[in-house]
Amino acid sequence: MPPPEVTVYTTPSCPHCLRAKRLLESKDAAFREVDLSEDAELRQEMVEKTGCLTAPLVFIGDTFVGGSDELHALDREGKLDAMLQGEA
């Protein structure tokens, strides 16, 4: 089974977005980046879907992981690699 799709919703020059993307890159995880800055409708949709007002918004498959802090916490807990491989 292929690994789940990873999607990162970002805004330009967001340091937390850069931090999340760097972690994913260090894991050799392919991800799709979606810029929220130019699409107010999409941004509002993501606020309603996640309850979060800030970027990044990280999804692994259909699972909303959270932002950069939550992504790094999963890595520290040893759970991120399994999620990226579709094993969690």
PDB file of N, CA and C in Angstrom:
ATOM      1  N   MET A   1       0.838  -1.168   0.000  1.00  0.00           N
ATOM      2  CA  MET A   1       0.000   0.000   0.000  1.00  0.00           C
ATOM      3  C   MET A   1       0.891   1.242   0.000  1.00  0.00           C
ATOM      4  N   PRO A   2       0.575   2.225  -0.854  1.00  0.00           N
ATOM      5  CA  PRO A   2       1.395   3.441  -0.884  1.00  0.00           C
ATOM      6  C   PRO A   2       1.179   4.268   0.374  1.00  0.00           C
ATOM      7  N   PRO A   3       2.160   5.088   0.719  1.00  0.00           N
ATOM      8  CA  PRO A   3       1.998   5.944   1.900  1.00  0.00           C
ATOM      9  C   PRO A   3       0.858   6.931   1.673  1.00  0.00           C
ATOM     10  N   PRO A   4       0.253   7.430   2.751  1.00  0.00           N
ATOM     11  CA  PRO A   4      -0.840   8.394   2.601  1.00  0.00           C
ATOM     12  C   PRO A   4      -0.332   9.719   2.048  1.00  0.00           C
ATOM     13  N   GLU A   5      -1.214  10.434   1.379  1.00  0.00           N
ATOM     14  CA  GLU A   5      -0.866  11.749   0.868  1.00  0.00           C
ATOM     15  C   GLU A   5      -0.722  12.713   2.038  1.00  0.00           C
ATOM     16  N   VAL A   6       0.315  13.513   2.000  1.00  0.00           N
ATOM     17  CA  VAL A   6       0.545  14.529   3.028  1.00  0.00           C
ATOM     18  C   VAL A   6       0.272  15.889   2.384  1.00  0.00           C
ATOM     19  N   THR A   7      -0.560  16.683   3.047  1.00  0.00           N
ATOM     20  CA  THR A   7      -0.886  18.022   2.552  1.00  0.00           C
ATOM     21  C   THR A   7      -0.584  19.025   3.651  1.00  0.00           C
ATOM     22  N   VAL A   8       0.108  20.088   3.267  1.00  0.00           N
ATOM     23  CA  VAL A   8       0.462  21.143   4.209  1.00  0.00           C
ATOM     24  C   VAL A   8      -0.105  22.456   3.672  1.00  0.00           C
ATOM     25  N   TYR A   9      -1.041  23.021   4.413  1.00  0.00           N
ATOM     26  CA  TYR A   9      -1.616  24.310   4.065  1.00  0.00           C
ATOM     27  C   TYR A   9      -0.762  25.383   4.727  1.00  0.00           C
ATOM     28  N   THR A  10      -0.261  26.315   3.917  1.00  0.00           N
ATOM     29  CA  THR A  10       0.728  27.282   4.389  1.00  0.00           C
ATOM     30  C   THR A  10       0.357  28.706   3.997  1.00  0.00           C
ATOM     31  N   THR A  11       1.141  29.631   4.504  1.00  0.00           N
ATOM     32  CA  THR A  11       1.128  31.015   4.045  1.00  0.00           C
ATOM     33  C   THR A  11       2.585  31.414   3.813  1.00  0.00           C
ATOM     34  N   PRO A  12       2.817  32.366   2.902  1.00  0.00           N
ATOM     35  CA  PRO A  12       4.195  32.762   2.597  1.00  0.00           C
ATOM     36  C   PRO A  12       4.919  33.327   3.816  1.00  0.00           C
ATOM     37  N   SER A  13       6.167  33.065   3.872  1.00  0.00           N
ATOM     38  CA  SER A  13       7.098  33.557   4.899  1.00  0.00           C
ATOM     39  C   SER A  13       6.667  33.247   6.331  1.00  0.00           C
ATOM     40  N   CYS A  14       5.893  32.194   6.502  1.00  0.00           N
ATOM     41  CA  CYS A  14       5.482  31.749   7.837  1.00  0.00           C
ATOM     42  C   CYS A  14       6.586  30.856   8.401  1.00  0.00           C
ATOM     43  N   PRO A  15       7.232  31.256   9.501  1.00  0.00           N
ATOM     44  CA  PRO A  15       8.332  30.449  10.028  1.00  0.00           C
ATOM     45  C   PRO A  15       7.883  29.065  10.509  1.00  0.00           C
ATOM     46  N   HIS A  16       6.675  28.959  11.015  1.00  0.00           N
ATOM     47  CA  HIS A  16       6.175  27.656  11.470  1.00  0.00           C
ATOM     48  C   HIS A  16       5.920  26.737  10.277  1.00  0.00           C
ATOM     49  N   CYS A  17       5.473  27.323   9.177  1.00  0.00           N
ATOM     50  CA  CYS A  17       5.270  26.551   7.945  1.00  0.00           C
ATOM     51  C   CYS A  17       6.603  26.000   7.447  1.00  0.00           C
ATOM     52  N   LEU A  18       7.615  26.855   7.444  1.00  0.00           N
ATOM     53  CA  LEU A  18       8.951  26.426   7.001  1.00  0.00           C
ATOM     54  C   LEU A  18       9.477  25.310   7.899  1.00  0.00           C
ATOM     55  N   ARG A  19       9.256  25.430   9.192  1.00  0.00           N
ATOM     56  CA  ARG A  19       9.723  24.417  10.149  1.00  0.00           C
ATOM     57  C   ARG A  19       9.036  23.074   9.889  1.00  0.00           C
ATOM     58  N   ALA A  20       7.731  23.095   9.652  1.00  0.00           N
ATOM     59  CA  ALA A  20       6.990  21.856   9.382  1.00  0.00           C
ATOM     60  C   ALA A  20       7.468  21.223   8.077  1.00  0.00           C
ATOM     61  N   LYS A  21       7.647  22.044   7.053  1.00  0.00           N
ATOM     62  CA  LYS A  21       8.098  21.504   5.758  1.00  0.00           C
ATOM     63  C   LYS A  21       9.510  20.925   5.869  1.00  0.00           C
ATOM     64  N   ARG A  22      10.371  21.579   6.630  1.00  0.00           N
ATOM     65  CA  ARG A  22      11.736  21.052   6.813  1.00  0.00           C
ATOM     66  C   ARG A  22      11.723  19.693   7.490  1.00  0.00           C
ATOM     67  N   LEU A  23      10.858  19.518   8.488  1.00  0.00           N
ATOM     68  CA  LEU A  23      10.761  18.220   9.156  1.00  0.00           C
ATOM     69  C   LEU A  23      10.297  17.156   8.174  1.00  0.00           C
ATOM     70  N   LEU A  24       9.276  17.451   7.398  1.00  0.00           N
ATOM     71  CA  LEU A  24       8.787  16.477   6.422  1.00  0.00           C
ATOM     72  C   LEU A  24       9.868  16.153   5.382  1.00  0.00           C
ATOM     73  N   GLU A  25      10.578  17.175   4.934  1.00  0.00           N
ATOM     74  CA  GLU A  25      11.665  16.950   3.977  1.00  0.00           C
ATOM     75  C   GLU A  25      12.760  16.084   4.585  1.00  0.00           C
ATOM     76  N   SER A  26      13.050  16.273   5.876  1.00  0.00           N
ATOM     77  CA  SER A  26      14.084  15.464   6.528  1.00  0.00           C
ATOM     78  C   SER A  26      13.672  13.997   6.613  1.00  0.00           C
ATOM     79  N   LYS A  27      12.370  13.751   6.530  1.00  0.00           N
ATOM     80  CA  LYS A  27      11.838  12.380   6.553  1.00  0.00           C
ATOM     81  C   LYS A  27      11.658  11.826   5.145  1.00  0.00           C
ATOM     82  N   ASP A  28      12.072  12.600   4.137  1.00  0.00           N
ATOM     83  CA  ASP A  28      11.860  12.246   2.730  1.00  0.00           C
ATOM     84  C   ASP A  28      10.389  11.985   2.429  1.00  0.00           C
ATOM     85  N   ALA A  29       9.517  12.719   3.097  1.00  0.00           N
ATOM     86  CA  ALA A  29       8.076  12.578   2.887  1.00  0.00           C
ATOM     87  C   ALA A  29       7.642  13.527   1.778  1.00  0.00           C
ATOM     88  N   ALA A  30       7.050  12.973   0.752  1.00  0.00           N
ATOM     89  CA  ALA A  30       6.490  13.814  -0.303  1.00  0.00           C
ATOM     90  C   ALA A  30       5.245  14.488   0.257  1.00  0.00           C
ATOM     91  N   PHE A  31       5.077  15.769  -0.047  1.00  0.00           N
ATOM     92  CA  PHE A  31       3.889  16.465   0.426  1.00  0.00           C
ATOM     93  C   PHE A  31       3.448  17.488  -0.600  1.00  0.00           C
ATOM     94  N   ARG A  32       2.168  17.787  -0.552  1.00  0.00           N
ATOM     95  CA  ARG A  32       1.574  18.802  -1.419  1.00  0.00           C
ATOM     96  C   ARG A  32       1.391  20.045  -0.565  1.00  0.00           C
ATOM     97  N   GLU A  33       1.880  21.160  -1.058  1.00  0.00           N
ATOM     98  CA  GLU A  33       1.744  22.420  -0.340  1.00  0.00           C
ATOM     99  C   GLU A  33       0.634  23.246  -0.973  1.00  0.00           C
ATOM    100  N   VAL A  34      -0.265  23.763  -0.143  1.00  0.00           N
ATOM    101  CA  VAL A  34      -1.366  24.599  -0.603  1.00  0.00           C
ATOM    102  C   VAL A  34      -1.253  25.951   0.078  1.00  0.00           C
ATOM    103  N   ASP A  35      -1.124  27.000  -0.721  1.00  0.00           N
ATOM    104  CA  ASP A  35      -0.987  28.366  -0.205  1.00  0.00           C
ATOM    105  C   ASP A  35      -2.378  28.924   0.118  1.00  0.00           C
ATOM    106  N   LEU A  36      -2.590  29.242   1.376  1.00  0.00           N
ATOM    107  CA  LEU A  36      -3.879  29.774   1.821  1.00  0.00           C
ATOM    108  C   LEU A  36      -3.998  31.287   1.659  1.00  0.00           C
ATOM    109  N   SER A  37      -2.910  31.957   1.364  1.00  0.00           N
ATOM    110  CA  SER A  37      -2.893  33.417   1.434  1.00  0.00           C
ATOM    111  C   SER A  37      -3.750  34.090   0.368  1.00  0.00           C
ATOM    112  N   GLU A  38      -3.975  33.435  -0.747  1.00  0.00           N
ATOM    113  CA  GLU A  38      -4.692  34.096  -1.836  1.00  0.00           C
ATOM    114  C   GLU A  38      -6.099  33.559  -2.039  1.00  0.00           C
ATOM    115  N   ASP A  39      -6.556  32.702  -1.147  1.00  0.00           N
ATOM    116  CA  ASP A  39      -7.871  32.101  -1.315  1.00  0.00           C
ATOM    117  C   ASP A  39      -8.634  32.180   0.005  1.00  0.00           C
ATOM    118  N   ALA A  40      -9.357  33.292   0.191  1.00  0.00           N
ATOM    119  CA  ALA A  40     -10.078  33.520   1.446  1.00  0.00           C
ATOM    120  C   ALA A  40     -11.133  32.450   1.698  1.00  0.00           C
ATOM    121  N   GLU A  41     -11.758  31.968   0.648  1.00  0.00           N
ATOM    122  CA  GLU A  41     -12.784  30.937   0.801  1.00  0.00           C
ATOM    123  C   GLU A  41     -12.177  29.629   1.314  1.00  0.00           C
ATOM    124  N   LEU A  42     -11.053  29.235   0.747  1.00  0.00           N
ATOM    125  CA  LEU A  42     -10.376  28.017   1.195  1.00  0.00           C
ATOM    126  C   LEU A  42      -9.892  28.191   2.633  1.00  0.00           C
ATOM    127  N   ARG A  43      -9.363  29.350   2.946  1.00  0.00           N
ATOM    128  CA  ARG A  43      -8.886  29.601   4.315  1.00  0.00           C
ATOM    129  C   ARG A  43     -10.030  29.454   5.317  1.00  0.00           C
ATOM    130  N   GLN A  44     -11.198  30.022   4.986  1.00  0.00           N
ATOM    131  CA  GLN A  44     -12.362  29.920   5.866  1.00  0.00           C
ATOM    132  C   GLN A  44     -12.816  28.466   5.986  1.00  0.00           C
ATOM    133  N   GLU A  45     -12.781  27.740   4.875  1.00  0.00           N
ATOM    134  CA  GLU A  45     -13.148  26.323   4.892  1.00  0.00           C
ATOM    135  C   GLU A  45     -12.228  25.535   5.825  1.00  0.00           C
ATOM    136  N   MET A  46     -10.933  25.836   5.791  1.00  0.00           N
ATOM    137  CA  MET A  46      -9.980  25.127   6.636  1.00  0.00           C
ATOM    138  C   MET A  46     -10.166  25.505   8.110  1.00  0.00           C
ATOM    139  N   VAL A  47     -10.521  26.755   8.389  1.00  0.00           N
ATOM    140  CA  VAL A  47     -10.802  27.164   9.774  1.00  0.00           C
ATOM    141  C   VAL A  47     -11.991  26.372  10.294  1.00  0.00           C
ATOM    142  N   GLU A  48     -13.021  26.249   9.469  1.00  0.00           N
ATOM    143  CA  GLU A  48     -14.210  25.495   9.881  1.00  0.00           C
ATOM    144  C   GLU A  48     -13.898  24.012  10.056  1.00  0.00           C
ATOM    145  N   LYS A  49     -13.065  23.479   9.183  1.00  0.00           N
ATOM    146  CA  LYS A  49     -12.735  22.044   9.226  1.00  0.00           C
ATOM    147  C   LYS A  49     -11.839  21.693  10.409  1.00  0.00           C
ATOM    148  N   THR A  50     -10.888  22.586  10.736  1.00  0.00           N
ATOM    149  CA  THR A  50      -9.875  22.261  11.747  1.00  0.00           C
ATOM    150  C   THR A  50     -10.052  23.007  13.062  1.00  0.00           C
ATOM    151  N   GLY A  51     -10.740  24.128  13.036  1.00  0.00           N
ATOM    152  CA  GLY A  51     -10.847  24.962  14.222  1.00  0.00           C
ATOM    153  C   GLY A  51      -9.609  25.803  14.470  1.00  0.00           C
ATOM    154  N   CYS A  52      -8.666  25.774  13.553  1.00  0.00           N
ATOM    155  CA  CYS A  52      -7.397  26.505  13.705  1.00  0.00           C
ATOM    156  C   CYS A  52      -7.404  27.758  12.835  1.00  0.00           C
ATOM    157  N   LEU A  53      -6.874  28.832  13.390  1.00  0.00           N
ATOM    158  CA  LEU A  53      -6.824  30.099  12.667  1.00  0.00           C
ATOM    159  C   LEU A  53      -5.466  30.372  12.043  1.00  0.00           C
ATOM    160  N   THR A  54      -4.458  29.580  12.379  1.00  0.00           N
ATOM    161  CA  THR A  54      -3.103  29.845  11.907  1.00  0.00           C
ATOM    162  C   THR A  54      -2.564  28.688  11.077  1.00  0.00           C
ATOM    163  N   ALA A  55      -1.577  28.994  10.264  1.00  0.00           N
ATOM    164  CA  ALA A  55      -0.891  27.999   9.454  1.00  0.00           C
ATOM    165  C   ALA A  55       0.401  27.611  10.166  1.00  0.00           C
ATOM    166  N   PRO A  56       0.926  26.445   9.871  1.00  0.00           N
ATOM    167  CA  PRO A  56       0.468  25.482   8.875  1.00  0.00           C
ATOM    168  C   PRO A  56      -0.642  24.585   9.424  1.00  0.00           C
ATOM    169  N   LEU A  57      -1.337  23.973   8.492  1.00  0.00           N
ATOM    170  CA  LEU A  57      -2.318  22.943   8.800  1.00  0.00           C
ATOM    171  C   LEU A  57      -1.826  21.686   8.090  1.00  0.00           C
ATOM    172  N   VAL A  58      -1.492  20.662   8.852  1.00  0.00           N
ATOM    173  CA  VAL A  58      -0.876  19.463   8.284  1.00  0.00           C
ATOM    174  C   VAL A  58      -1.863  18.301   8.343  1.00  0.00           C
ATOM    175  N   PHE A  59      -2.059  17.685   7.184  1.00  0.00           N
ATOM    176  CA  PHE A  59      -2.889  16.492   7.078  1.00  0.00           C
ATOM    177  C   PHE A  59      -2.026  15.338   6.592  1.00  0.00           C
ATOM    178  N   ILE A  60      -2.162  14.196   7.226  1.00  0.00           N
ATOM    179  CA  ILE A  60      -1.547  12.960   6.745  1.00  0.00           C
ATOM    180  C   ILE A  60      -2.710  12.051   6.395  1.00  0.00           C
ATOM    181  N   GLY A  61      -2.892  11.844   5.100  1.00  0.00           N
ATOM    182  CA  GLY A  61      -4.102  11.186   4.642  1.00  0.00           C
ATOM    183  C   GLY A  61      -5.276  12.084   5.004  1.00  0.00           C
ATOM    184  N   ASP A  62      -6.316  11.503   5.583  1.00  0.00           N
ATOM    185  CA  ASP A  62      -7.485  12.274   6.001  1.00  0.00           C
ATOM    186  C   ASP A  62      -7.366  12.779   7.438  1.00  0.00           C
ATOM    187  N   THR A  63      -6.252  12.474   8.086  1.00  0.00           N
ATOM    188  CA  THR A  63      -6.077  12.836   9.494  1.00  0.00           C
ATOM    189  C   THR A  63      -5.443  14.215   9.635  1.00  0.00           C
ATOM    190  N   PHE A  64      -6.138  15.103  10.337  1.00  0.00           N
ATOM    191  CA  PHE A  64      -5.574  16.409  10.636  1.00  0.00           C
ATOM    192  C   PHE A  64      -4.617  16.253  11.800  1.00  0.00           C
ATOM    193  N   VAL A  65      -3.344  16.500  11.549  1.00  0.00           N
ATOM    194  CA  VAL A  65      -2.303  16.339  12.561  1.00  0.00           C
ATOM    195  C   VAL A  65      -2.222  17.567  13.458  1.00  0.00           C
ATOM    196  N   GLY A  66      -2.410  18.738  12.879  1.00  0.00           N
ATOM    197  CA  GLY A  66      -2.275  19.989  13.607  1.00  0.00           C
ATOM    198  C   GLY A  66      -1.285  20.880  12.876  1.00  0.00           C
ATOM    199  N   GLY A  67      -0.560  21.665  13.639  1.00  0.00           N
ATOM    200  CA  GLY A  67       0.435  22.568  13.070  1.00  0.00           C
ATOM    201  C   GLY A  67       1.838  22.030  13.263  1.00  0.00           C
ATOM    202  N   SER A  68       2.794  22.927  13.186  1.00  0.00           N
ATOM    203  CA  SER A  68       4.199  22.552  13.292  1.00  0.00           C
ATOM    204  C   SER A  68       4.525  21.941  14.655  1.00  0.00           C
ATOM    205  N   ASP A  69       4.019  22.538  15.720  1.00  0.00           N
ATOM    206  CA  ASP A  69       4.323  22.020  17.060  1.00  0.00           C
ATOM    207  C   ASP A  69       3.818  20.592  17.229  1.00  0.00           C
ATOM    208  N   GLU A  70       2.606  20.333  16.750  1.00  0.00           N
ATOM    209  CA  GLU A  70       2.033  18.989  16.870  1.00  0.00           C
ATOM    210  C   GLU A  70       2.788  17.987  16.002  1.00  0.00           C
ATOM    211  N   LEU A  71       3.205  18.426  14.817  1.00  0.00           N
ATOM    212  CA  LEU A  71       3.975  17.557  13.922  1.00  0.00           C
ATOM    213  C   LEU A  71       5.302  17.172  14.581  1.00  0.00           C
ATOM    214  N   HIS A  72       5.980  18.151  15.171  1.00  0.00           N
ATOM    215  CA  HIS A  72       7.245  17.872  15.850  1.00  0.00           C
ATOM    216  C   HIS A  72       7.036  17.002  17.092  1.00  0.00           C
ATOM    217  N   ALA A  73       5.932  17.199  17.786  1.00  0.00           N
ATOM    218  CA  ALA A  73       5.636  16.363  18.956  1.00  0.00           C
ATOM    219  C   ALA A  73       5.452  14.909  18.535  1.00  0.00           C
ATOM    220  N   LEU A  74       4.757  14.685  17.426  1.00  0.00           N
ATOM    221  CA  LEU A  74       4.596  13.311  16.925  1.00  0.00           C
ATOM    222  C   LEU A  74       5.953  12.692  16.618  1.00  0.00           C
ATOM    223  N   ASP A  75       6.855  13.500  16.066  1.00  0.00           N
ATOM    224  CA  ASP A  75       8.193  12.995  15.755  1.00  0.00           C
ATOM    225  C   ASP A  75       8.937  12.643  17.040  1.00  0.00           C
ATOM    226  N   ARG A  76       8.889  13.513  18.046  1.00  0.00           N
ATOM    227  CA  ARG A  76       9.562  13.241  19.322  1.00  0.00           C
ATOM    228  C   ARG A  76       9.004  11.983  19.992  1.00  0.00           C
ATOM    229  N   GLU A  77       7.704  11.757  19.828  1.00  0.00           N
ATOM    230  CA  GLU A  77       7.052  10.582  20.429  1.00  0.00           C
ATOM    231  C   GLU A  77       7.282   9.300  19.616  1.00  0.00           C
ATOM    232  N   GLY A  78       7.968   9.433  18.477  1.00  0.00           N
ATOM    233  CA  GLY A  78       8.235   8.266  17.650  1.00  0.00           C
ATOM    234  C   GLY A  78       7.041   7.791  16.836  1.00  0.00           C
ATOM    235  N   LYS A  79       6.045   8.640  16.659  1.00  0.00           N
ATOM    236  CA  LYS A  79       4.827   8.250  15.944  1.00  0.00           C
ATOM    237  C   LYS A  79       4.772   8.743  14.503  1.00  0.00           C
ATOM    238  N   LEU A  80       5.546   9.755  14.170  1.00  0.00           N
ATOM    239  CA  LEU A  80       5.437  10.373  12.857  1.00  0.00           C
ATOM    240  C   LEU A  80       5.816   9.435  11.729  1.00  0.00           C
ATOM    241  N   ASP A  81       6.923   8.707  11.872  1.00  0.00           N
ATOM    242  CA  ASP A  81       7.370   7.831  10.793  1.00  0.00           C
ATOM    243  C   ASP A  81       6.299   6.807  10.431  1.00  0.00           C
ATOM    244  N   ALA A  82       5.664   6.224  11.429  1.00  0.00           N
ATOM    245  CA  ALA A  82       4.610   5.225  11.170  1.00  0.00           C
ATOM    246  C   ALA A  82       3.429   5.873  10.448  1.00  0.00           C
ATOM    247  N   MET A  83       3.067   7.074  10.866  1.00  0.00           N
ATOM    248  CA  MET A  83       1.955   7.768  10.198  1.00  0.00           C
ATOM    249  C   MET A  83       2.290   8.063   8.745  1.00  0.00           C
ATOM    250  N   LEU A  84       3.515   8.484   8.486  1.00  0.00           N
ATOM    251  CA  LEU A  84       3.921   8.801   7.110  1.00  0.00           C
ATOM    252  C   LEU A  84       3.952   7.550   6.228  1.00  0.00           C
ATOM    253  N   GLN A  85       4.118   6.388   6.849  1.00  0.00           N
ATOM    254  CA  GLN A  85       4.134   5.133   6.102  1.00  0.00           C
ATOM    255  C   GLN A  85       2.753   4.484   6.035  1.00  0.00           C
ATOM    256  N   GLY A  86       1.767   5.110   6.685  1.00  0.00           N
ATOM    257  CA  GLY A  86       0.413   4.566   6.683  1.00  0.00           C
ATOM    258  C   GLY A  86       0.229   3.421   7.655  1.00  0.00           C
ATOM    259  N   GLU A  87       1.098   3.357   8.673  1.00  0.00           N
ATOM    260  CA  GLU A  87       1.068   2.253   9.626  1.00  0.00           C
ATOM    261  C   GLU A  87       0.408   2.626  10.949  1.00  0.00           C
ATOM    262  N   ALA A  88      -0.092   3.842  11.034  1.00  0.00           N
ATOM    263  CA  ALA A  88      -0.708   4.248  12.311  1.00  0.00           C
ATOM    264  C   ALA A  88      -2.110   4.765  12.079  1.00  0.00           C
TER     265      ALA A  88
END
